[in-house]
Structures are given as C-alpha cells and as structure tokens.
C-alpha cells in the first residue's frame, strides 16, 4: 500500500474542484490519482464551518432581561428613597 502525503493546498484545490466547480468525485479521483475515499475525507476536513443557526432562545433571553430590568429598577428606586431620606436628615 502506497501512502502519499499531499499538501493542504493540493487537498483544498481537489475539494474546490468538487464543491465549487461541480466535478464528480470519481472524475477528480481519476484525474488526480487519489482515492475517492481520500477525497471524501478531505471534503469533511476542509468543509466550511456550518453557519451558526440562531441558537439563541429569544424567549429565554427576554425572560432573563426582564428579570434584570426589574432588579435594576428596584435598586434605582431604593437609591432614590435613600437619597431623599439622607437629604432630609442633613437639613
């Protein structure tokens, strides 16, 4: 069994022929003298990362933000009352 080490550039070019140019895997395999198994492996290796789906749960985020807003509003109201109390104390 012959093991060849191909450069990443060679592998990317081979994958590009399949993905971008639309050549069949078997045709590229024969033309480049590479097994189709290797081409499929390279396709997985150099695949574009899948676009990130909106994994954000908007309802959960809204609940979290509403809780935080309620907490901050309560803190603000407490500080307003404390300011008014200490303003009366100093007079």
PDB file of N, CA and C in Angstrom:
ATOM      1  N   UNK A   1       0.841  -1.168   0.000  1.00  0.00           N
ATOM      2  CA  UNK A   1       0.000   0.000   0.000  1.00  0.00           C
ATOM      3  C   UNK A   1       0.892   1.239   0.000  1.00  0.00           C
ATOM      4  N   UNK A   2       0.616   2.143  -0.910  1.00  0.00           N
ATOM      5  CA  UNK A   2       1.417   3.356  -1.038  1.00  0.00           C
ATOM      6  C   UNK A   2       0.736   4.479  -0.269  1.00  0.00           C
ATOM      7  N   UNK A   3       1.499   5.141   0.586  1.00  0.00           N
ATOM      8  CA  UNK A   3       0.969   6.266   1.340  1.00  0.00           C
ATOM      9  C   UNK A   3       1.632   7.530   0.839  1.00  0.00           C
ATOM     10  N   UNK A   4       0.828   8.466   0.377  1.00  0.00           N
ATOM     11  CA  UNK A   4       1.358   9.731  -0.107  1.00  0.00           C
ATOM     12  C   UNK A   4       0.888  10.845   0.799  1.00  0.00           C
ATOM     13  N   UNK A   5       1.766  11.774   1.029  1.00  0.00           N
ATOM     14  CA  UNK A   5       1.398  12.951   1.805  1.00  0.00           C
ATOM     15  C   UNK A   5       1.200  14.111   0.848  1.00  0.00           C
ATOM     16  N   UNK A   6      -0.017  14.581   0.775  1.00  0.00           N
ATOM     17  CA  UNK A   6      -0.330  15.708  -0.089  1.00  0.00           C
ATOM     18  C   UNK A   6      -0.388  16.973   0.755  1.00  0.00           C
ATOM     19  N   UNK A   7      -0.025  18.071   0.144  1.00  0.00           N
ATOM     20  CA  UNK A   7      -0.059  19.345   0.869  1.00  0.00           C
ATOM     21  C   UNK A   7      -1.510  19.766   1.073  1.00  0.00           C
ATOM     22  N   UNK A   8      -1.713  20.611   2.063  1.00  0.00           N
ATOM     23  CA  UNK A   8      -3.061  21.124   2.324  1.00  0.00           C
ATOM     24  C   UNK A   8      -3.587  21.897   1.118  1.00  0.00           C
ATOM     25  N   UNK A   9      -2.696  22.584   0.435  1.00  0.00           N
ATOM     26  CA  UNK A   9      -3.116  23.352  -0.738  1.00  0.00           C
ATOM     27  C   UNK A   9      -3.653  22.413  -1.824  1.00  0.00           C
ATOM     28  N   UNK A  10      -2.961  21.295  -2.039  1.00  0.00           N
ATOM     29  CA  UNK A  10      -3.410  20.301  -3.018  1.00  0.00           C
ATOM     30  C   UNK A  10      -4.784  19.760  -2.624  1.00  0.00           C
ATOM     31  N   UNK A  11      -4.934  19.455  -1.340  1.00  0.00           N
ATOM     32  CA  UNK A  11      -6.208  18.911  -0.856  1.00  0.00           C
ATOM     33  C   UNK A  11      -7.330  19.920  -1.026  1.00  0.00           C
ATOM     34  N   UNK A  12      -7.054  21.180  -0.677  1.00  0.00           N
ATOM     35  CA  UNK A  12      -8.079  22.231  -0.823  1.00  0.00           C
ATOM     36  C   UNK A  12      -8.466  22.415  -2.286  1.00  0.00           C
ATOM     37  N   UNK A  13      -7.489  22.367  -3.179  1.00  0.00           N
ATOM     38  CA  UNK A  13      -7.782  22.501  -4.608  1.00  0.00           C
ATOM     39  C   UNK A  13      -8.649  21.350  -5.095  1.00  0.00           C
ATOM     40  N   UNK A  14      -8.350  20.149  -4.634  1.00  0.00           N
ATOM     41  CA  UNK A  14      -9.144  18.986  -5.023  1.00  0.00           C
ATOM     42  C   UNK A  14     -10.582  19.138  -4.536  1.00  0.00           C
ATOM     43  N   UNK A  15     -10.740  19.563  -3.307  1.00  0.00           N
ATOM     44  CA  UNK A  15     -12.078  19.754  -2.736  1.00  0.00           C
ATOM     45  C   UNK A  15     -12.799  20.874  -3.478  1.00  0.00           C
ATOM     46  N   UNK A  16     -12.076  21.913  -3.848  1.00  0.00           N
ATOM     47  CA  UNK A  16     -12.688  23.036  -4.564  1.00  0.00           C
ATOM     48  C   UNK A  16     -13.208  22.575  -5.927  1.00  0.00           C
ATOM     49  N   UNK A  17     -12.494  21.677  -6.584  1.00  0.00           N
ATOM     50  CA  UNK A  17     -12.955  21.157  -7.876  1.00  0.00           C
ATOM     51  C   UNK A  17     -14.297  20.462  -7.733  1.00  0.00           C
ATOM     52  N   UNK A  18     -14.494  19.812  -6.607  1.00  0.00           N
ATOM     53  CA  UNK A  18     -15.745  19.086  -6.381  1.00  0.00           C
ATOM     54  C   UNK A  18     -16.852  20.040  -5.952  1.00  0.00           C
ATOM     55  N   UNK A  19     -16.555  20.872  -4.969  1.00  0.00           N
ATOM     56  CA  UNK A  19     -17.589  21.729  -4.390  1.00  0.00           C
ATOM     57  C   UNK A  19     -17.933  22.939  -5.254  1.00  0.00           C
ATOM     58  N   UNK A  20     -16.903  23.651  -5.698  1.00  0.00           N
ATOM     59  CA  UNK A  20     -17.154  24.910  -6.408  1.00  0.00           C
ATOM     60  C   UNK A  20     -17.420  24.666  -7.890  1.00  0.00           C
ATOM     61  N   UNK A  21     -16.559  23.897  -8.504  1.00  0.00           N
ATOM     62  CA  UNK A  21     -16.687  23.680  -9.943  1.00  0.00           C
ATOM     63  C   UNK A  21     -17.702  22.603 -10.297  1.00  0.00           C
ATOM     64  N   UNK A  22     -18.053  21.766  -9.326  1.00  0.00           N
ATOM     65  CA  UNK A  22     -19.107  20.773  -9.530  1.00  0.00           C
ATOM     66  C   UNK A  22     -18.672  19.493 -10.226  1.00  0.00           C
ATOM     67  N   UNK A  23     -17.379  19.197 -10.252  1.00  0.00           N
ATOM     68  CA  UNK A  23     -16.923  17.954 -10.859  1.00  0.00           C
ATOM     69  C   UNK A  23     -17.289  16.778  -9.960  1.00  0.00           C
ATOM     70  N   UNK A  24     -17.614  15.632 -10.565  1.00  0.00           N
ATOM     71  CA  UNK A  24     -17.914  14.440  -9.759  1.00  0.00           C
ATOM     72  C   UNK A  24     -16.657  13.942  -9.030  1.00  0.00           C
ATOM     73  N   UNK A  25     -16.861  13.361  -7.877  1.00  0.00           N
ATOM     74  CA  UNK A  25     -15.752  12.864  -7.066  1.00  0.00           C
ATOM     75  C   UNK A  25     -14.941  11.829  -7.839  1.00  0.00           C
ATOM     76  N   UNK A  26     -15.617  10.940  -8.542  1.00  0.00           N
ATOM     77  CA  UNK A  26     -14.912   9.886  -9.284  1.00  0.00           C
ATOM     78  C   UNK A  26     -14.001  10.466 -10.365  1.00  0.00           C
ATOM     79  N   UNK A  27     -14.474  11.505 -11.042  1.00  0.00           N
ATOM     80  CA  UNK A  27     -13.674  12.128 -12.095  1.00  0.00           C
ATOM     81  C   UNK A  27     -12.422  12.788 -11.510  1.00  0.00           C
ATOM     82  N   UNK A  28     -12.591  13.525 -10.419  1.00  0.00           N
ATOM     83  CA  UNK A  28     -11.449  14.182  -9.771  1.00  0.00           C
ATOM     84  C   UNK A  28     -10.499  13.129  -9.228  1.00  0.00           C
ATOM     85  N   UNK A  29     -11.038  12.063  -8.700  1.00  0.00           N
ATOM     86  CA  UNK A  29     -10.229  10.979  -8.159  1.00  0.00           C
ATOM     87  C   UNK A  29      -9.326  10.381  -9.246  1.00  0.00           C
ATOM     88  N   UNK A  30      -9.904  10.091 -10.405  1.00  0.00           N
ATOM     89  CA  UNK A  30      -9.126   9.507 -11.504  1.00  0.00           C
ATOM     90  C   UNK A  30      -8.088  10.503 -12.019  1.00  0.00           C
ATOM     91  N   UNK A  31      -8.513  11.755 -12.199  1.00  0.00           N
ATOM     92  CA  UNK A  31      -7.631  12.760 -12.767  1.00  0.00           C
ATOM     93  C   UNK A  31      -6.420  13.023 -11.883  1.00  0.00           C
ATOM     94  N   UNK A  32      -6.635  13.061 -10.557  1.00  0.00           N
ATOM     95  CA  UNK A  32      -5.545  13.390  -9.635  1.00  0.00           C
ATOM     96  C   UNK A  32      -4.808  12.161  -9.124  1.00  0.00           C
ATOM     97  N   UNK A  33      -5.356  10.981  -9.369  1.00  0.00           N
ATOM     98  CA  UNK A  33      -4.712   9.764  -8.895  1.00  0.00           C
ATOM     99  C   UNK A  33      -4.834   9.599  -7.392  1.00  0.00           C
ATOM    100  N   UNK A  34      -5.980  10.014  -6.867  1.00  0.00           N
ATOM    101  CA  UNK A  34      -6.247   9.948  -5.428  1.00  0.00           C
ATOM    102  C   UNK A  34      -7.501   9.107  -5.241  1.00  0.00           C
ATOM    103  N   UNK A  35      -7.557   8.344  -4.183  1.00  0.00           N
ATOM    104  CA  UNK A  35      -8.747   7.532  -3.953  1.00  0.00           C
ATOM    105  C   UNK A  35      -9.939   8.419  -3.616  1.00  0.00           C
ATOM    106  N   UNK A  36     -11.103   7.935  -3.993  1.00  0.00           N
ATOM    107  CA  UNK A  36     -12.320   8.707  -3.699  1.00  0.00           C
ATOM    108  C   UNK A  36     -12.535   8.791  -2.184  1.00  0.00           C
ATOM    109  N   UNK A  37     -12.095   7.768  -1.470  1.00  0.00           N
ATOM    110  CA  UNK A  37     -12.200   7.785  -0.008  1.00  0.00           C
ATOM    111  C   UNK A  37     -11.425   8.980   0.569  1.00  0.00           C
ATOM    112  N   UNK A  38     -10.219   9.191   0.032  1.00  0.00           N
ATOM    113  CA  UNK A  38      -9.407  10.325   0.491  1.00  0.00           C
ATOM    114  C   UNK A  38     -10.105  11.643   0.183  1.00  0.00           C
ATOM    115  N   UNK A  39     -10.705  11.745  -0.996  1.00  0.00           N
ATOM    116  CA  UNK A  39     -11.404  12.985  -1.360  1.00  0.00           C
ATOM    117  C   UNK A  39     -12.569  13.263  -0.419  1.00  0.00           C
ATOM    118  N   UNK A  40     -13.330  12.230  -0.089  1.00  0.00           N
ATOM    119  CA  UNK A  40     -14.441  12.429   0.847  1.00  0.00           C
ATOM    120  C   UNK A  40     -13.919  12.853   2.222  1.00  0.00           C
ATOM    121  N   UNK A  41     -12.800  12.271   2.625  1.00  0.00           N
ATOM    122  CA  UNK A  41     -12.198  12.640   3.905  1.00  0.00           C
ATOM    123  C   UNK A  41     -11.750  14.102   3.876  1.00  0.00           C
ATOM    124  N   UNK A  42     -11.143  14.514   2.764  1.00  0.00           N
ATOM    125  CA  UNK A  42     -10.683  15.894   2.635  1.00  0.00           C
ATOM    126  C   UNK A  42     -11.856  16.859   2.605  1.00  0.00           C
ATOM    127  N   UNK A  43     -12.963  16.407   1.989  1.00  0.00           N
ATOM    128  CA  UNK A  43     -14.150  17.269   1.947  1.00  0.00           C
ATOM    129  C   UNK A  43     -14.653  17.542   3.360  1.00  0.00           C
ATOM    130  N   UNK A  44     -14.627  16.535   4.208  1.00  0.00           N
ATOM    131  CA  UNK A  44     -15.029  16.739   5.606  1.00  0.00           C
ATOM    132  C   UNK A  44     -14.022  17.617   6.330  1.00  0.00           C
ATOM    133  N   UNK A  45     -12.748  17.380   6.067  1.00  0.00           N
ATOM    134  CA  UNK A  45     -11.685  18.109   6.745  1.00  0.00           C
ATOM    135  C   UNK A  45     -11.706  19.590   6.399  1.00  0.00           C
ATOM    136  N   UNK A  46     -11.910  19.900   5.139  1.00  0.00           N
ATOM    137  CA  UNK A  46     -11.863  21.291   4.695  1.00  0.00           C
ATOM    138  C   UNK A  46     -13.243  21.881   4.455  1.00  0.00           C
ATOM    139  N   UNK A  47     -14.241  21.284   5.040  1.00  0.00           N
ATOM    140  CA  UNK A  47     -15.599  21.805   4.890  1.00  0.00           C
ATOM    141  C   UNK A  47     -15.702  23.158   5.558  1.00  0.00           C
ATOM    142  N   UNK A  48     -16.487  24.009   4.937  1.00  0.00           N
ATOM    143  CA  UNK A  48     -16.742  25.298   5.567  1.00  0.00           C
ATOM    144  C   UNK A  48     -17.528  25.038   6.833  1.00  0.00           C
ATOM    145  N   UNK A  49     -17.215  25.771   7.897  1.00  0.00           N
ATOM    146  CA  UNK A  49     -17.985  25.552   9.115  1.00  0.00           C
ATOM    147  C   UNK A  49     -19.453  25.873   8.850  1.00  0.00           C
ATOM    148  N   UNK A  50     -20.332  25.047   9.366  1.00  0.00           N
ATOM    149  CA  UNK A  50     -21.749  25.303   9.107  1.00  0.00           C
ATOM    150  C   UNK A  50     -22.144  26.650   9.682  1.00  0.00           C
ATOM    151  N   UNK A  51     -22.998  27.357   8.989  1.00  0.00           N
ATOM    152  CA  UNK A  51     -23.413  28.653   9.509  1.00  0.00           C
ATOM    153  C   UNK A  51     -24.104  28.466  10.845  1.00  0.00           C
ATOM    154  N   UNK A  52     -23.765  29.319  11.759  1.00  0.00           N
ATOM    155  CA  UNK A  52     -24.339  29.187  13.092  1.00  0.00           C
ATOM    156  C   UNK A  52     -25.817  29.548  13.032  1.00  0.00           C
ATOM    157  N   UNK A  53     -26.590  28.563  13.361  1.00  0.00           N
ATOM    158  CA  UNK A  53     -28.025  28.808  13.417  1.00  0.00           C
ATOM    159  C   UNK A  53     -28.295  29.688  14.625  1.00  0.00           C
ATOM    160  N   UNK A  54     -29.343  30.400  14.526  1.00  0.00           N
ATOM    161  CA  UNK A  54     -29.680  31.266  15.648  1.00  0.00           C
ATOM    162  C   UNK A  54     -29.997  30.382  16.837  1.00  0.00           C
ATOM    163  N   UNK A  55     -28.952  30.004  17.560  1.00  0.00           N
ATOM    164  CA  UNK A  55     -29.104  29.126  18.698  1.00  0.00           C
ATOM    165  C   UNK A  55     -29.596  29.863  19.930  1.00  0.00           C
ATOM    166  N   UNK A  56     -29.873  31.138  19.768  1.00  0.00           N
ATOM    167  CA  UNK A  56     -30.324  31.943  20.894  1.00  0.00           C
ATOM    168  C   UNK A  56     -31.805  31.703  21.094  1.00  0.00           C
ATOM    169  N   UNK A  57     -32.157  31.342  22.292  1.00  0.00           N
ATOM    170  CA  UNK A  57     -33.561  31.181  22.638  1.00  0.00           C
ATOM    171  C   UNK A  57     -34.063  32.562  23.046  1.00  0.00           C
ATOM    172  N   UNK A  58     -34.771  33.198  22.124  1.00  0.00           N
ATOM    173  CA  UNK A  58     -35.190  34.580  22.351  1.00  0.00           C
ATOM    174  C   UNK A  58     -36.143  34.718  23.541  1.00  0.00           C
ATOM    175  N   UNK A  59     -36.987  33.731  23.731  1.00  0.00           N
ATOM    176  CA  UNK A  59     -37.909  33.803  24.868  1.00  0.00           C
ATOM    177  C   UNK A  59     -37.147  33.743  26.190  1.00  0.00           C
ATOM    178  N   UNK A  60     -36.176  32.857  26.270  1.00  0.00           N
ATOM    179  CA  UNK A  60     -35.382  32.745  27.497  1.00  0.00           C
ATOM    180  C   UNK A  60     -34.576  34.016  27.717  1.00  0.00           C
ATOM    181  N   UNK A  61     -34.040  34.571  26.640  1.00  0.00           N
ATOM    182  CA  UNK A  61     -33.272  35.805  26.755  1.00  0.00           C
ATOM    183  C   UNK A  61     -34.169  36.953  27.214  1.00  0.00           C
ATOM    184  N   UNK A  62     -35.386  37.009  26.677  1.00  0.00           N
ATOM    185  CA  UNK A  62     -36.326  38.049  27.096  1.00  0.00           C
ATOM    186  C   UNK A  62     -36.675  37.926  28.576  1.00  0.00           C
ATOM    187  N   UNK A  63     -36.911  36.691  29.042  1.00  0.00           N
ATOM    188  CA  UNK A  63     -37.215  36.496  30.466  1.00  0.00           C
ATOM    189  C   UNK A  63     -36.052  36.962  31.337  1.00  0.00           C
ATOM    190  N   UNK A  64     -34.832  36.598  30.927  1.00  0.00           N
ATOM    191  CA  UNK A  64     -33.643  36.999  31.667  1.00  0.00           C
ATOM    192  C   UNK A  64     -33.511  38.518  31.711  1.00  0.00           C
ATOM    193  N   UNK A  65     -33.704  39.159  30.575  1.00  0.00           N
ATOM    194  CA  UNK A  65     -33.582  40.621  30.522  1.00  0.00           C
ATOM    195  C   UNK A  65     -34.674  41.304  31.336  1.00  0.00           C
ATOM    196  N   UNK A  66     -35.872  40.755  31.331  1.00  0.00           N
ATOM    197  CA  UNK A  66     -36.959  41.341  32.131  1.00  0.00           C
ATOM    198  C   UNK A  66     -36.653  41.233  33.623  1.00  0.00           C
ATOM    199  N   UNK A  67     -36.101  40.074  34.037  1.00  0.00           N
ATOM    200  CA  UNK A  67     -35.724  39.926  35.451  1.00  0.00           C
ATOM    201  C   UNK A  67     -34.641  40.919  35.834  1.00  0.00           C
ATOM    202  N   UNK A  68     -33.654  41.068  34.957  1.00  0.00           N
ATOM    203  CA  UNK A  68     -32.566  42.003  35.231  1.00  0.00           C
ATOM    204  C   UNK A  68     -33.085  43.438  35.278  1.00  0.00           C
ATOM    205  N   UNK A  69     -33.997  43.782  34.363  1.00  0.00           N
ATOM    206  CA  UNK A  69     -34.582  45.121  34.369  1.00  0.00           C
ATOM    207  C   UNK A  69     -35.352  45.373  35.662  1.00  0.00           C
ATOM    208  N   UNK A  70     -36.106  44.381  36.118  1.00  0.00           N
ATOM    209  CA  UNK A  70     -36.857  44.528  37.362  1.00  0.00           C
ATOM    210  C   UNK A  70     -35.906  44.739  38.539  1.00  0.00           C
ATOM    211  N   UNK A  71     -34.807  43.986  38.575  1.00  0.00           N
ATOM    212  CA  UNK A  71     -33.836  44.129  39.657  1.00  0.00           C
ATOM    213  C   UNK A  71     -33.195  45.512  39.643  1.00  0.00           C
ATOM    214  N   UNK A  72     -32.790  45.964  38.477  1.00  0.00           N
ATOM    215  CA  UNK A  72     -32.133  47.266  38.370  1.00  0.00           C
ATOM    216  C   UNK A  72     -33.108  48.385  38.699  1.00  0.00           C
ATOM    217  N   UNK A  73     -34.346  48.244  38.262  1.00  0.00           N
ATOM    218  CA  UNK A  73     -35.366  49.249  38.582  1.00  0.00           C
ATOM    219  C   UNK A  73     -35.599  49.324  40.091  1.00  0.00           C
ATOM    220  N   UNK A  74     -35.641  48.157  40.733  1.00  0.00           N
ATOM    221  CA  UNK A  74     -35.821  48.128  42.182  1.00  0.00           C
ATOM    222  C   UNK A  74     -34.633  48.788  42.890  1.00  0.00           C
ATOM    223  N   UNK A  75     -33.417  48.485  42.433  1.00  0.00           N
ATOM    224  CA  UNK A  75     -32.233  49.111  43.028  1.00  0.00           C
ATOM    225  C   UNK A  75     -32.266  50.624  42.851  1.00  0.00           C
ATOM    226  N   UNK A  76     -32.679  51.078  41.681  1.00  0.00           N
ATOM    227  CA  UNK A  76     -32.766  52.518  41.427  1.00  0.00           C
ATOM    228  C   UNK A  76     -33.776  53.174  42.366  1.00  0.00           C
ATOM    229  N   UNK A  77     -34.938  52.524  42.540  1.00  0.00           N
ATOM    230  CA  UNK A  77     -35.966  53.087  43.419  1.00  0.00           C
ATOM    231  C   UNK A  77     -35.471  53.156  44.862  1.00  0.00           C
ATOM    232  N   UNK A  78     -34.751  52.126  45.301  1.00  0.00           N
ATOM    233  CA  UNK A  78     -34.203  52.118  46.658  1.00  0.00           C
ATOM    234  C   UNK A  78     -33.209  53.264  46.827  1.00  0.00           C
ATOM    235  N   UNK A  79     -32.355  53.474  45.831  1.00  0.00           N
ATOM    236  CA  UNK A  79     -31.378  54.561  45.901  1.00  0.00           C
ATOM    237  C   UNK A  79     -32.059  55.929  45.893  1.00  0.00           C
ATOM    238  N   UNK A  80     -33.145  56.073  45.148  1.00  0.00           N
ATOM    239  CA  UNK A  80     -33.881  57.337  45.145  1.00  0.00           C
ATOM    240  C   UNK A  80     -34.433  57.617  46.544  1.00  0.00           C
ATOM    241  N   UNK A  81     -35.018  56.589  47.163  1.00  0.00           N
ATOM    242  CA  UNK A  81     -35.578  56.762  48.503  1.00  0.00           C
ATOM    243  C   UNK A  81     -34.490  57.072  49.512  1.00  0.00           C
ATOM    244  N   UNK A  82     -33.334  56.395  49.379  1.00  0.00           N
ATOM    245  CA  UNK A  82     -32.226  56.639  50.298  1.00  0.00           C
ATOM    246  C   UNK A  82     -31.702  58.056  50.125  1.00  0.00           C
ATOM    247  N   UNK A  83     -31.624  58.536  48.902  1.00  0.00           N
ATOM    248  CA  UNK A  83     -31.159  59.895  48.645  1.00  0.00           C
ATOM    249  C   UNK A  83     -32.114  60.905  49.275  1.00  0.00           C
ATOM    250  N   UNK A  84     -33.412  60.686  49.107  1.00  0.00           N
ATOM    251  CA  UNK A  84     -34.393  61.598  49.697  1.00  0.00           C
ATOM    252  C   UNK A  84     -34.315  61.548  51.223  1.00  0.00           C
ATOM    253  N   UNK A  85     -34.137  60.387  51.804  1.00  0.00           N
ATOM    254  CA  UNK A  85     -34.062  60.232  53.247  1.00  0.00           C
ATOM    255  C   UNK A  85     -32.841  60.981  53.790  1.00  0.00           C
ATOM    256  N   UNK A  86     -31.673  60.762  53.153  1.00  0.00           N
ATOM    257  CA  UNK A  86     -30.461  61.412  53.659  1.00  0.00           C
ATOM    258  C   UNK A  86     -30.474  62.913  53.390  1.00  0.00           C
ATOM    259  N   UNK A  87     -31.188  63.353  52.371  1.00  0.00           N
ATOM    260  CA  UNK A  87     -31.308  64.793  52.104  1.00  0.00           C
ATOM    261  C   UNK A  87     -32.124  65.449  53.223  1.00  0.00           C
ATOM    262  N   UNK A  88     -33.148  64.768  53.694  1.00  0.00           N
ATOM    263  CA  UNK A  88     -33.952  65.322  54.807  1.00  0.00           C
ATOM    264  C   UNK A  88     -33.165  65.311  56.109  1.00  0.00           C
ATOM    265  N   UNK A  89     -32.364  64.277  56.313  1.00  0.00           N
ATOM    266  CA  UNK A  89     -31.563  64.145  57.536  1.00  0.00           C
ATOM    267  C   UNK A  89     -30.540  65.267  57.641  1.00  0.00           C
ATOM    268  N   UNK A  90     -29.964  65.674  56.524  1.00  0.00           N
ATOM    269  CA  UNK A  90     -28.904  66.669  56.566  1.00  0.00           C
ATOM    270  C   UNK A  90     -29.457  68.086  56.746  1.00  0.00           C
ATOM    271  N   UNK A  91     -30.734  68.291  56.582  1.00  0.00           N
ATOM    272  CA  UNK A  91     -31.304  69.643  56.727  1.00  0.00           C
ATOM    273  C   UNK A  91     -31.631  69.964  58.149  1.00  0.00           C
TER     274      UNK A  91
END
